[in-house]
PDB file of N, CA and C in Angstrom:
ATOM      1  N   MET A   1      10.239   9.451   7.872  1.00  0.00           N
ATOM      2  CA  MET A   1       9.585   8.562   8.806  1.00  0.00           C
ATOM      3  C   MET A   1       9.150   7.259   8.128  1.00  0.00           C
ATOM      4  N   GLY A   2       8.721   7.379   6.875  1.00  0.00           N
ATOM      5  CA  GLY A   2       8.274   6.191   6.159  1.00  0.00           C
ATOM      6  C   GLY A   2       9.360   5.144   6.018  1.00  0.00           C
ATOM      7  N   TRP A   3      10.597   5.594   5.815  1.00  0.00           N
ATOM      8  CA  TRP A   3      11.698   4.641   5.650  1.00  0.00           C
ATOM      9  C   TRP A   3      11.992   3.908   6.947  1.00  0.00           C
ATOM     10  N   ILE A   4      11.795   4.557   8.075  1.00  0.00           N
ATOM     11  CA  ILE A   4      11.993   3.888   9.368  1.00  0.00           C
ATOM     12  C   ILE A   4      10.941   2.806   9.547  1.00  0.00           C
ATOM     13  N   PHE A   5       9.682   3.139   9.249  1.00  0.00           N
ATOM     14  CA  PHE A   5       8.617   2.134   9.323  1.00  0.00           C
ATOM     15  C   PHE A   5       8.900   0.973   8.378  1.00  0.00           C
ATOM     16  N   LEU A   6       9.369   1.289   7.180  1.00  0.00           N
ATOM     17  CA  LEU A   6       9.630   0.244   6.195  1.00  0.00           C
ATOM     18  C   LEU A   6      10.766  -0.672   6.631  1.00  0.00           C
ATOM     19  N   LEU A   7      11.842  -0.113   7.142  1.00  0.00           N
ATOM     20  CA  LEU A   7      12.953  -0.919   7.640  1.00  0.00           C
ATOM     21  C   LEU A   7      12.494  -1.805   8.794  1.00  0.00           C
ATOM     22  N   ALA A   8      11.742  -1.230   9.717  1.00  0.00           N
ATOM     23  CA  ALA A   8      11.235  -2.016  10.842  1.00  0.00           C
ATOM     24  C   ALA A   8      10.333  -3.147  10.359  1.00  0.00           C
ATOM     25  N   ALA A   9       9.481  -2.854   9.384  1.00  0.00           N
ATOM     26  CA  ALA A   9       8.589  -3.885   8.835  1.00  0.00           C
ATOM     27  C   ALA A   9       9.386  -5.025   8.216  1.00  0.00           C
ATOM     28  N   GLY A  10      10.446  -4.695   7.488  1.00  0.00           N
ATOM     29  CA  GLY A  10      11.284  -5.731   6.882  1.00  0.00           C
ATOM     30  C   GLY A  10      12.002  -6.573   7.920  1.00  0.00           C
ATOM     31  N   LEU A  11      12.491  -5.941   8.967  1.00  0.00           N
ATOM     32  CA  LEU A  11      13.192  -6.687  10.022  1.00  0.00           C
ATOM     33  C   LEU A  11      12.229  -7.595  10.786  1.00  0.00           C
ATOM     34  N   VAL A  12      11.021  -7.112  11.025  1.00  0.00           N
ATOM     35  CA  VAL A  12      10.017  -7.948  11.695  1.00  0.00           C
ATOM     36  C   VAL A  12       9.625  -9.115  10.793  1.00  0.00           C
ATOM     37  N   GLU A  13       9.631  -8.881   9.496  1.00  0.00           N
ATOM     38  CA  GLU A  13       9.344  -9.961   8.537  1.00  0.00           C
ATOM     39  C   GLU A  13      10.374 -11.085   8.661  1.00  0.00           C
ATOM     40  N   ILE A  14      11.618 -10.719   8.886  1.00  0.00           N
ATOM     41  CA  ILE A  14      12.678 -11.718   9.086  1.00  0.00           C
ATOM     42  C   ILE A  14      12.408 -12.510  10.364  1.00  0.00           C
ATOM     43  N   ALA A  15      12.011 -11.816  11.423  1.00  0.00           N
ATOM     44  CA  ALA A  15      11.675 -12.489  12.686  1.00  0.00           C
ATOM     45  C   ALA A  15      10.509 -13.450  12.489  1.00  0.00           C
ATOM     46  N   MET A  16       9.543 -13.055  11.655  1.00  0.00           N
ATOM     47  CA  MET A  16       8.410 -13.931  11.372  1.00  0.00           C
ATOM     48  C   MET A  16       8.864 -15.239  10.734  1.00  0.00           C
ATOM     49  N   ALA A  17       9.757 -15.127   9.770  1.00  0.00           N
ATOM     50  CA  ALA A  17      10.250 -16.336   9.098  1.00  0.00           C
ATOM     51  C   ALA A  17      10.983 -17.242  10.079  1.00  0.00           C
ATOM     52  N   ALA A  18      11.763 -16.648  10.974  1.00  0.00           N
ATOM     53  CA  ALA A  18      12.477 -17.451  11.979  1.00  0.00           C
ATOM     54  C   ALA A  18      11.493 -18.167  12.891  1.00  0.00           C
ATOM     55  N   ALA A  19      10.455 -17.465  13.304  1.00  0.00           N
ATOM     56  CA  ALA A  19       9.449 -18.081  14.171  1.00  0.00           C
ATOM     57  C   ALA A  19       8.735 -19.221  13.453  1.00  0.00           C
ATOM     58  N   LEU A  20       8.383 -18.999  12.191  1.00  0.00           N
ATOM     59  CA  LEU A  20       7.695 -20.054  11.451  1.00  0.00           C
ATOM     60  C   LEU A  20       8.594 -21.265  11.220  1.00  0.00           C
ATOM     61  N   LYS A  21       9.887 -21.029  11.025  1.00  0.00           N
ATOM     62  CA  LYS A  21      10.834 -22.143  10.890  1.00  0.00           C
ATOM     63  C   LYS A  21      10.843 -22.970  12.174  1.00  0.00           C
ATOM     64  N   GLN A  22      10.813 -22.278  13.317  1.00  0.00           N
ATOM     65  CA  GLN A  22      10.849 -22.957  14.608  1.00  0.00           C
ATOM     66  C   GLN A  22       9.505 -23.587  14.991  1.00  0.00           C
ATOM     67  N   SER A  23       8.432 -23.212  14.309  1.00  0.00           N
ATOM     68  CA  SER A  23       7.108 -23.731  14.669  1.00  0.00           C
ATOM     69  C   SER A  23       6.933 -25.205  14.312  1.00  0.00           C
ATOM     70  N   GLU A  24       7.837 -25.706  13.483  1.00  0.00           N
ATOM     71  CA  GLU A  24       7.793 -27.114  13.055  1.00  0.00           C
ATOM     72  C   GLU A  24       6.403 -27.495  12.550  1.00  0.00           C
ATOM     73  N   ASP A  25       6.007 -26.816  11.478  1.00  0.00           N
ATOM     74  CA  ASP A  25       4.731 -27.087  10.807  1.00  0.00           C
ATOM     75  C   ASP A  25       3.548 -26.862  11.744  1.00  0.00           C
ATOM     76  N   TRP A  26       3.608 -25.768  12.519  1.00  0.00           N
ATOM     77  CA  TRP A  26       2.549 -25.347  13.422  1.00  0.00           C
ATOM     78  C   TRP A  26       2.306 -26.336  14.571  1.00  0.00           C
ATOM     79  N   THR A  27       3.295 -27.174  14.881  1.00  0.00           N
ATOM     80  CA  THR A  27       3.127 -28.127  15.977  1.00  0.00           C
ATOM     81  C   THR A  27       3.636 -27.582  17.306  1.00  0.00           C
ATOM     82  N   ARG A  28       4.390 -26.491  17.287  1.00  0.00           N
ATOM     83  CA  ARG A  28       4.883 -25.857  18.512  1.00  0.00           C
ATOM     84  C   ARG A  28       4.125 -24.535  18.692  1.00  0.00           C
ATOM     85  N   LEU A  29       3.439 -24.411  19.818  1.00  0.00           N
ATOM     86  CA  LEU A  29       2.527 -23.298  20.037  1.00  0.00           C
ATOM     87  C   LEU A  29       3.228 -21.938  20.064  1.00  0.00           C
ATOM     88  N   VAL A  30       4.261 -21.789  20.880  1.00  0.00           N
ATOM     89  CA  VAL A  30       4.879 -20.469  21.052  1.00  0.00           C
ATOM     90  C   VAL A  30       5.464 -19.936  19.743  1.00  0.00           C
ATOM     91  N   PRO A  31       6.280 -20.701  19.017  1.00  0.00           N
ATOM     92  CA  PRO A  31       6.778 -20.150  17.745  1.00  0.00           C
ATOM     93  C   PRO A  31       5.662 -19.889  16.734  1.00  0.00           C
ATOM     94  N   SER A  32       4.625 -20.705  16.757  1.00  0.00           N
ATOM     95  CA  SER A  32       3.501 -20.497  15.835  1.00  0.00           C
ATOM     96  C   SER A  32       2.799 -19.177  16.130  1.00  0.00           C
ATOM     97  N   VAL A  33       2.527 -18.921  17.404  1.00  0.00           N
ATOM     98  CA  VAL A  33       1.873 -17.672  17.794  1.00  0.00           C
ATOM     99  C   VAL A  33       2.788 -16.490  17.485  1.00  0.00           C
ATOM    100  N   LEU A  34       4.079 -16.619  17.773  1.00  0.00           N
ATOM    101  CA  LEU A  34       5.027 -15.547  17.455  1.00  0.00           C
ATOM    102  C   LEU A  34       5.076 -15.277  15.954  1.00  0.00           C
ATOM    103  N   GLY A  35       4.989 -16.320  15.154  1.00  0.00           N
ATOM    104  CA  GLY A  35       4.976 -16.154  13.695  1.00  0.00           C
ATOM    105  C   GLY A  35       3.787 -15.337  13.235  1.00  0.00           C
ATOM    106  N   VAL A  36       2.613 -15.638  13.767  1.00  0.00           N
ATOM    107  CA  VAL A  36       1.409 -14.898  13.391  1.00  0.00           C
ATOM    108  C   VAL A  36       1.491 -13.452  13.890  1.00  0.00           C
ATOM    109  N   LEU A  37       1.915 -13.265  15.130  1.00  0.00           N
ATOM    110  CA  LEU A  37       2.010 -11.912  15.684  1.00  0.00           C
ATOM    111  C   LEU A  37       3.009 -11.052  14.913  1.00  0.00           C
ATOM    112  N   THR A  38       4.172 -11.620  14.601  1.00  0.00           N
ATOM    113  CA  THR A  38       5.166 -10.837  13.875  1.00  0.00           C
ATOM    114  C   THR A  38       4.694 -10.539  12.447  1.00  0.00           C
ATOM    115  N   ALA A  39       3.931 -11.451  11.859  1.00  0.00           N
ATOM    116  CA  ALA A  39       3.373 -11.180  10.525  1.00  0.00           C
ATOM    117  C   ALA A  39       2.418  -9.987  10.595  1.00  0.00           C
ATOM    118  N   LEU A  40       1.577  -9.966  11.601  1.00  0.00           N
ATOM    119  CA  LEU A  40       0.638  -8.854  11.754  1.00  0.00           C
ATOM    120  C   LEU A  40       1.378  -7.539  12.021  1.00  0.00           C
ATOM    121  N   ILE A  41       2.396  -7.589  12.851  1.00  0.00           N
ATOM    122  CA  ILE A  41       3.172  -6.383  13.148  1.00  0.00           C
ATOM    123  C   ILE A  41       3.869  -5.883  11.891  1.00  0.00           C
ATOM    124  N   SER A  42       4.433  -6.799  11.117  1.00  0.00           N
ATOM    125  CA  SER A  42       5.122  -6.415   9.891  1.00  0.00           C
ATOM    126  C   SER A  42       4.165  -5.736   8.918  1.00  0.00           C
ATOM    127  N   ILE A  43       2.981  -6.298   8.758  1.00  0.00           N
ATOM    128  CA  ILE A  43       1.995  -5.707   7.852  1.00  0.00           C
ATOM    129  C   ILE A  43       1.523  -4.356   8.381  1.00  0.00           C
ATOM    130  N   PHE A  44       1.343  -4.239   9.686  1.00  0.00           N
ATOM    131  CA  PHE A  44       0.963  -2.963  10.290  1.00  0.00           C
ATOM    132  C   PHE A  44       2.024  -1.898  10.003  1.00  0.00           C
ATOM    133  N   LEU A  45       3.302  -2.254  10.198  1.00  0.00           N
ATOM    134  CA  LEU A  45       4.384  -1.305   9.947  1.00  0.00           C
ATOM    135  C   LEU A  45       4.481  -0.944   8.460  1.00  0.00           C
ATOM    136  N   LEU A  46       4.254  -1.920   7.598  1.00  0.00           N
ATOM    137  CA  LEU A  46       4.239  -1.631   6.164  1.00  0.00           C
ATOM    138  C   LEU A  46       3.123  -0.638   5.841  1.00  0.00           C
ATOM    139  N   ALA A  47       1.957  -0.847   6.419  1.00  0.00           N
ATOM    140  CA  ALA A  47       0.844   0.079   6.180  1.00  0.00           C
ATOM    141  C   ALA A  47       1.195   1.489   6.645  1.00  0.00           C
ATOM    142  N   LYS A  48       1.875   1.591   7.785  1.00  0.00           N
ATOM    143  CA  LYS A  48       2.317   2.903   8.271  1.00  0.00           C
ATOM    144  C   LYS A  48       3.299   3.530   7.278  1.00  0.00           C
ATOM    145  N   ALA A  49       4.221   2.731   6.766  1.00  0.00           N
ATOM    146  CA  ALA A  49       5.200   3.238   5.804  1.00  0.00           C
ATOM    147  C   ALA A  49       4.513   3.736   4.540  1.00  0.00           C
ATOM    148  N   LEU A  50       3.447   3.070   4.139  1.00  0.00           N
ATOM    149  CA  LEU A  50       2.755   3.432   2.907  1.00  0.00           C
ATOM    150  C   LEU A  50       2.018   4.768   3.021  1.00  0.00           C
ATOM    151  N   ARG A  51       1.889   5.310   4.214  1.00  0.00           N
ATOM    152  CA  ARG A  51       1.333   6.654   4.364  1.00  0.00           C
ATOM    153  C   ARG A  51       2.300   7.698   3.816  1.00  0.00           C
ATOM    154  N   TYR A  52       3.587   7.354   3.773  1.00  0.00           N
ATOM    155  CA  TYR A  52       4.627   8.299   3.375  1.00  0.00           C
ATOM    156  C   TYR A  52       5.322   7.938   2.061  1.00  0.00           C
ATOM    157  N   LEU A  53       5.262   6.679   1.670  1.00  0.00           N
ATOM    158  CA  LEU A  53       6.041   6.194   0.527  1.00  0.00           C
ATOM    159  C   LEU A  53       5.123   5.667  -0.573  1.00  0.00           C
ATOM    160  N   PRO A  54       5.585   5.698  -1.828  1.00  0.00           N
ATOM    161  CA  PRO A  54       4.797   5.111  -2.914  1.00  0.00           C
ATOM    162  C   PRO A  54       4.714   3.592  -2.778  1.00  0.00           C
ATOM    163  N   LEU A  55       3.589   3.042  -3.156  1.00  0.00           N
ATOM    164  CA  LEU A  55       3.302   1.624  -2.974  1.00  0.00           C
ATOM    165  C   LEU A  55       4.328   0.702  -3.631  1.00  0.00           C
ATOM    166  N   GLY A  56       4.578   0.878  -4.914  1.00  0.00           N
ATOM    167  CA  GLY A  56       5.436  -0.056  -5.650  1.00  0.00           C
ATOM    168  C   GLY A  56       6.826  -0.204  -5.060  1.00  0.00           C
ATOM    169  N   PRO A  57       7.576   0.886  -4.964  1.00  0.00           N
ATOM    170  CA  PRO A  57       8.920   0.765  -4.394  1.00  0.00           C
ATOM    171  C   PRO A  57       8.914   0.296  -2.942  1.00  0.00           C
ATOM    172  N   ALA A  58       7.957   0.784  -2.143  1.00  0.00           N
ATOM    173  CA  ALA A  58       7.924   0.393  -0.729  1.00  0.00           C
ATOM    174  C   ALA A  58       7.687  -1.109  -0.589  1.00  0.00           C
ATOM    175  N   TYR A  59       6.727  -1.630  -1.332  1.00  0.00           N
ATOM    176  CA  TYR A  59       6.434  -3.060  -1.241  1.00  0.00           C
ATOM    177  C   TYR A  59       7.623  -3.896  -1.723  1.00  0.00           C
ATOM    178  N   ALA A  60       8.233  -3.490  -2.822  1.00  0.00           N
ATOM    179  CA  ALA A  60       9.380  -4.228  -3.355  1.00  0.00           C
ATOM    180  C   ALA A  60      10.552  -4.199  -2.375  1.00  0.00           C
ATOM    181  N   ILE A  61      10.790  -3.066  -1.757  1.00  0.00           N
ATOM    182  CA  ILE A  61      11.894  -2.963  -0.808  1.00  0.00           C
ATOM    183  C   ILE A  61      11.581  -3.767   0.448  1.00  0.00           C
ATOM    184  N   TRP A  62      10.335  -3.749   0.901  1.00  0.00           N
ATOM    185  CA  TRP A  62       9.922  -4.559   2.059  1.00  0.00           C
ATOM    186  C   TRP A  62      10.188  -6.045   1.803  1.00  0.00           C
ATOM    187  N   THR A  63       9.756  -6.514   0.640  1.00  0.00           N
ATOM    188  CA  THR A  63      10.003  -7.926   0.331  1.00  0.00           C
ATOM    189  C   THR A  63      11.491  -8.197   0.138  1.00  0.00           C
ATOM    190  N   GLY A  64      12.219  -7.217  -0.397  1.00  0.00           N
ATOM    191  CA  GLY A  64      13.668  -7.382  -0.561  1.00  0.00           C
ATOM    192  C   GLY A  64      14.382  -7.500   0.768  1.00  0.00           C
ATOM    193  N   ILE A  65      14.014  -6.645   1.719  1.00  0.00           N
ATOM    194  CA  ILE A  65      14.622  -6.731   3.059  1.00  0.00           C
ATOM    195  C   ILE A  65      14.343  -8.108   3.650  1.00  0.00           C
ATOM    196  N   GLY A  66      13.102  -8.534   3.551  1.00  0.00           N
ATOM    197  CA  GLY A  66      12.743  -9.851   4.076  1.00  0.00           C
ATOM    198  C   GLY A  66      13.468 -10.976   3.365  1.00  0.00           C
ATOM    199  N   SER A  67      13.523 -10.918   2.051  1.00  0.00           N
ATOM    200  CA  SER A  67      14.161 -11.987   1.274  1.00  0.00           C
ATOM    201  C   SER A  67      15.646 -12.116   1.581  1.00  0.00           C
ATOM    202  N   VAL A  68      16.343 -10.998   1.505  1.00  0.00           N
ATOM    203  CA  VAL A  68      17.780 -11.025   1.768  1.00  0.00           C
ATOM    204  C   VAL A  68      18.042 -11.420   3.218  1.00  0.00           C
ATOM    205  N   GLY A  69      17.267 -10.850   4.138  1.00  0.00           N
ATOM    206  CA  GLY A  69      17.452 -11.170   5.554  1.00  0.00           C
ATOM    207  C   GLY A  69      17.213 -12.633   5.861  1.00  0.00           C
ATOM    208  N   VAL A  70      16.183 -13.211   5.268  1.00  0.00           N
ATOM    209  CA  VAL A  70      15.877 -14.620   5.535  1.00  0.00           C
ATOM    210  C   VAL A  70      16.939 -15.529   4.921  1.00  0.00           C
ATOM    211  N   VAL A  71      17.426 -15.201   3.740  1.00  0.00           N
ATOM    212  CA  VAL A  71      18.499 -16.005   3.146  1.00  0.00           C
ATOM    213  C   VAL A  71      19.745 -15.959   4.028  1.00  0.00           C
ATOM    214  N   LEU A  72      20.110 -14.752   4.472  1.00  0.00           N
ATOM    215  CA  LEU A  72      21.289 -14.632   5.338  1.00  0.00           C
ATOM    216  C   LEU A  72      21.078 -15.334   6.679  1.00  0.00           C
ATOM    217  N   MET A  73      19.867 -15.248   7.229  1.00  0.00           N
ATOM    218  CA  MET A  73      19.563 -15.960   8.460  1.00  0.00           C
ATOM    219  C   MET A  73      19.686 -17.473   8.247  1.00  0.00           C
ATOM    220  N   GLY A  74      19.200 -17.952   7.123  1.00  0.00           N
ATOM    221  CA  GLY A  74      19.314 -19.382   6.827  1.00  0.00           C
ATOM    222  C   GLY A  74      20.763 -19.834   6.762  1.00  0.00           C
ATOM    223  N   VAL A  75      21.608 -19.012   6.174  1.00  0.00           N
ATOM    224  CA  VAL A  75      23.031 -19.342   6.066  1.00  0.00           C
ATOM    225  C   VAL A  75      23.704 -19.277   7.433  1.00  0.00           C
ATOM    226  N   LEU A  76      23.458 -18.202   8.170  1.00  0.00           N
ATOM    227  CA  LEU A  76      24.170 -17.975   9.428  1.00  0.00           C
ATOM    228  C   LEU A  76      23.660 -18.830  10.586  1.00  0.00           C
ATOM    229  N   TRP A  77      22.344 -19.038  10.668  1.00  0.00           N
ATOM    230  CA  TRP A  77      21.793 -19.731  11.831  1.00  0.00           C
ATOM    231  C   TRP A  77      21.315 -21.141  11.565  1.00  0.00           C
ATOM    232  N   PHE A  78      20.969 -21.438  10.324  1.00  0.00           N
ATOM    233  CA  PHE A  78      20.416 -22.754  10.034  1.00  0.00           C
ATOM    234  C   PHE A  78      21.332 -23.600   9.152  1.00  0.00           C
ATOM    235  N   GLY A  79      22.530 -23.111   8.896  1.00  0.00           N
ATOM    236  CA  GLY A  79      23.528 -23.893   8.180  1.00  0.00           C
ATOM    237  C   GLY A  79      23.237 -24.127   6.712  1.00  0.00           C
ATOM    238  N   GLU A  80      22.440 -23.281   6.093  1.00  0.00           N
ATOM    239  CA  GLU A  80      22.160 -23.446   4.670  1.00  0.00           C
ATOM    240  C   GLU A  80      23.372 -22.988   3.856  1.00  0.00           C
ATOM    241  N   ALA A  81      23.523 -23.564   2.695  1.00  0.00           N
ATOM    242  CA  ALA A  81      24.677 -23.261   1.849  1.00  0.00           C
ATOM    243  C   ALA A  81      24.542 -21.891   1.195  1.00  0.00           C
ATOM    244  N   LEU A  82      25.669 -21.226   1.008  1.00  0.00           N
ATOM    245  CA  LEU A  82      25.696 -19.956   0.290  1.00  0.00           C
ATOM    246  C   LEU A  82      26.613 -20.125  -0.917  1.00  0.00           C
ATOM    247  N   SER A  83      26.001 -20.411  -2.041  1.00  0.00           N
ATOM    248  CA  SER A  83      26.760 -20.592  -3.273  1.00  0.00           C
ATOM    249  C   SER A  83      26.991 -19.243  -3.940  1.00  0.00           C
ATOM    250  N   ALA A  84      27.836 -19.243  -4.933  1.00  0.00           N
ATOM    251  CA  ALA A  84      28.076 -18.023  -5.699  1.00  0.00           C
ATOM    252  C   ALA A  84      26.785 -17.551  -6.374  1.00  0.00           C
ATOM    253  N   ALA A  85      25.990 -18.480  -6.848  1.00  0.00           N
ATOM    254  CA  ALA A  85      24.726 -18.126  -7.506  1.00  0.00           C
ATOM    255  C   ALA A  85      23.768 -17.471  -6.513  1.00  0.00           C
ATOM    256  N   ARG A  86      23.660 -18.026  -5.316  1.00  0.00           N
ATOM    257  CA  ARG A  86      22.781 -17.428  -4.296  1.00  0.00           C
ATOM    258  C   ARG A  86      23.281 -16.047  -3.908  1.00  0.00           C
ATOM    259  N   LEU A  87      24.578 -15.901  -3.757  1.00  0.00           N
ATOM    260  CA  LEU A  87      25.155 -14.609  -3.408  1.00  0.00           C
ATOM    261  C   LEU A  87      24.876 -13.593  -4.522  1.00  0.00           C
ATOM    262  N   GLY A  88      25.002 -14.017  -5.763  1.00  0.00           N
ATOM    263  CA  GLY A  88      24.698 -13.138  -6.892  1.00  0.00           C
ATOM    264  C   GLY A  88      23.244 -12.697  -6.886  1.00  0.00           C
ATOM    265  N   CYS A  89      22.354 -13.604  -6.546  1.00  0.00           N
ATOM    266  CA  CYS A  89      20.933 -13.246  -6.481  1.00  0.00           C
ATOM    267  C   CYS A  89      20.666 -12.249  -5.359  1.00  0.00           C
ATOM    268  N   ILE A  90      21.338 -12.415  -4.230  1.00  0.00           N
ATOM    269  CA  ILE A  90      21.208 -11.453  -3.130  1.00  0.00           C
ATOM    270  C   ILE A  90      21.658 -10.076  -3.601  1.00  0.00           C
ATOM    271  N   VAL A  91      22.777 -10.037  -4.311  1.00  0.00           N
ATOM    272  CA  VAL A  91      23.284  -8.756  -4.825  1.00  0.00           C
ATOM    273  C   VAL A  91      22.262  -8.133  -5.782  1.00  0.00           C
ATOM    274  N   LEU A  92      21.626  -8.935  -6.611  1.00  0.00           N
ATOM    275  CA  LEU A  92      20.621  -8.410  -7.532  1.00  0.00           C
ATOM    276  C   LEU A  92      19.411  -7.833  -6.792  1.00  0.00           C
ATOM    277  N   VAL A  93      18.971  -8.516  -5.740  1.00  0.00           N
ATOM    278  CA  VAL A  93      17.846  -8.012  -4.949  1.00  0.00           C
ATOM    279  C   VAL A  93      18.211  -6.675  -4.311  1.00  0.00           C
ATOM    280  N   ILE A  94      19.403  -6.600  -3.735  1.00  0.00           N
ATOM    281  CA  ILE A  94      19.851  -5.352  -3.112  1.00  0.00           C
ATOM    282  C   ILE A  94      19.976  -4.246  -4.156  1.00  0.00           C
ATOM    283  N   ALA A  95      20.560  -4.572  -5.301  1.00  0.00           N
ATOM    284  CA  ALA A  95      20.710  -3.575  -6.361  1.00  0.00           C
ATOM    285  C   ALA A  95      19.349  -3.087  -6.840  1.00  0.00           C
ATOM    286  N   GLY A  96      18.404  -3.984  -6.978  1.00  0.00           N
ATOM    287  CA  GLY A  96      17.069  -3.587  -7.394  1.00  0.00           C
ATOM    288  C   GLY A  96      16.392  -2.691  -6.362  1.00  0.00           C
ATOM    289  N   SER A  97      16.565  -3.020  -5.077  1.00  0.00           N
ATOM    290  CA  SER A  97      15.975  -2.194  -4.021  1.00  0.00           C
ATOM    291  C   SER A  97      16.610  -0.801  -3.997  1.00  0.00           C
ATOM    292  N   VAL A  98      17.912  -0.745  -4.126  1.00  0.00           N
ATOM    293  CA  VAL A  98      18.600   0.555  -4.161  1.00  0.00           C
ATOM    294  C   VAL A  98      18.146   1.345  -5.390  1.00  0.00           C
ATOM    295  N   GLY A  99      18.033   0.659  -6.524  1.00  0.00           N
ATOM    296  CA  GLY A  99      17.582   1.330  -7.738  1.00  0.00           C
ATOM    297  C   GLY A  99      16.173   1.893  -7.592  1.00  0.00           C
ATOM    298  N   LEU A 100      15.303   1.141  -6.963  1.00  0.00           N
ATOM    299  CA  LEU A 100      13.939   1.642  -6.741  1.00  0.00           C
ATOM    300  C   LEU A 100      13.949   2.858  -5.819  1.00  0.00           C
ATOM    301  N   ARG A 101      14.791   2.807  -4.816  1.00  0.00           N
ATOM    302  CA  ARG A 101      14.886   3.937  -3.881  1.00  0.00           C
ATOM    303  C   ARG A 101      15.418   5.185  -4.604  1.00  0.00           C
ATOM    304  N   LEU A 102      16.415   4.998  -5.425  1.00  0.00           N
ATOM    305  CA  LEU A 102      17.039   6.141  -6.107  1.00  0.00           C
ATOM    306  C   LEU A 102      16.133   6.750  -7.171  1.00  0.00           C
ATOM    307  N   THR A 103      15.256   5.943  -7.737  1.00  0.00           N
ATOM    308  CA  THR A 103      14.373   6.439  -8.789  1.00  0.00           C
ATOM    309  C   THR A 103      12.986   6.789  -8.275  1.00  0.00           C
ATOM    310  N   GLU A 104      12.819   6.767  -6.962  1.00  0.00           N
ATOM    311  CA  GLU A 104      11.519   7.096  -6.370  1.00  0.00           C
ATOM    312  C   GLU A 104      11.130   8.519  -6.736  1.00  0.00           C
ATOM    313  N   ALA A 105       9.891   8.678  -7.147  1.00  0.00           N
ATOM    314  CA  ALA A 105       9.413  10.016  -7.534  1.00  0.00           C
ATOM    315  C   ALA A 105       8.960  10.812  -6.329  1.00  0.00           C
TER     316      ALA A 105
END
């Protein structure tokens, strides 16, 4: 159950970043409010996940899901460049998250 909460928290974190991007420096009300709400939901889901999972790996994987998701969202929806170096860094984040999951006590 903890992994479901953690995955959901990471996906909501991606939605938060999208909302904040659209808020245009907090000048647009709806995206700004959505950004705050999704941040709270993401933290709530992370807290639920932490009832079942160890803190270190769970937090690292949560940030990894958010980081990789936001980079991919930037490339796919906002036209940001995806260089070989950026792709390599994404692979490292994923590898680190998988490694933490596999070595979880």
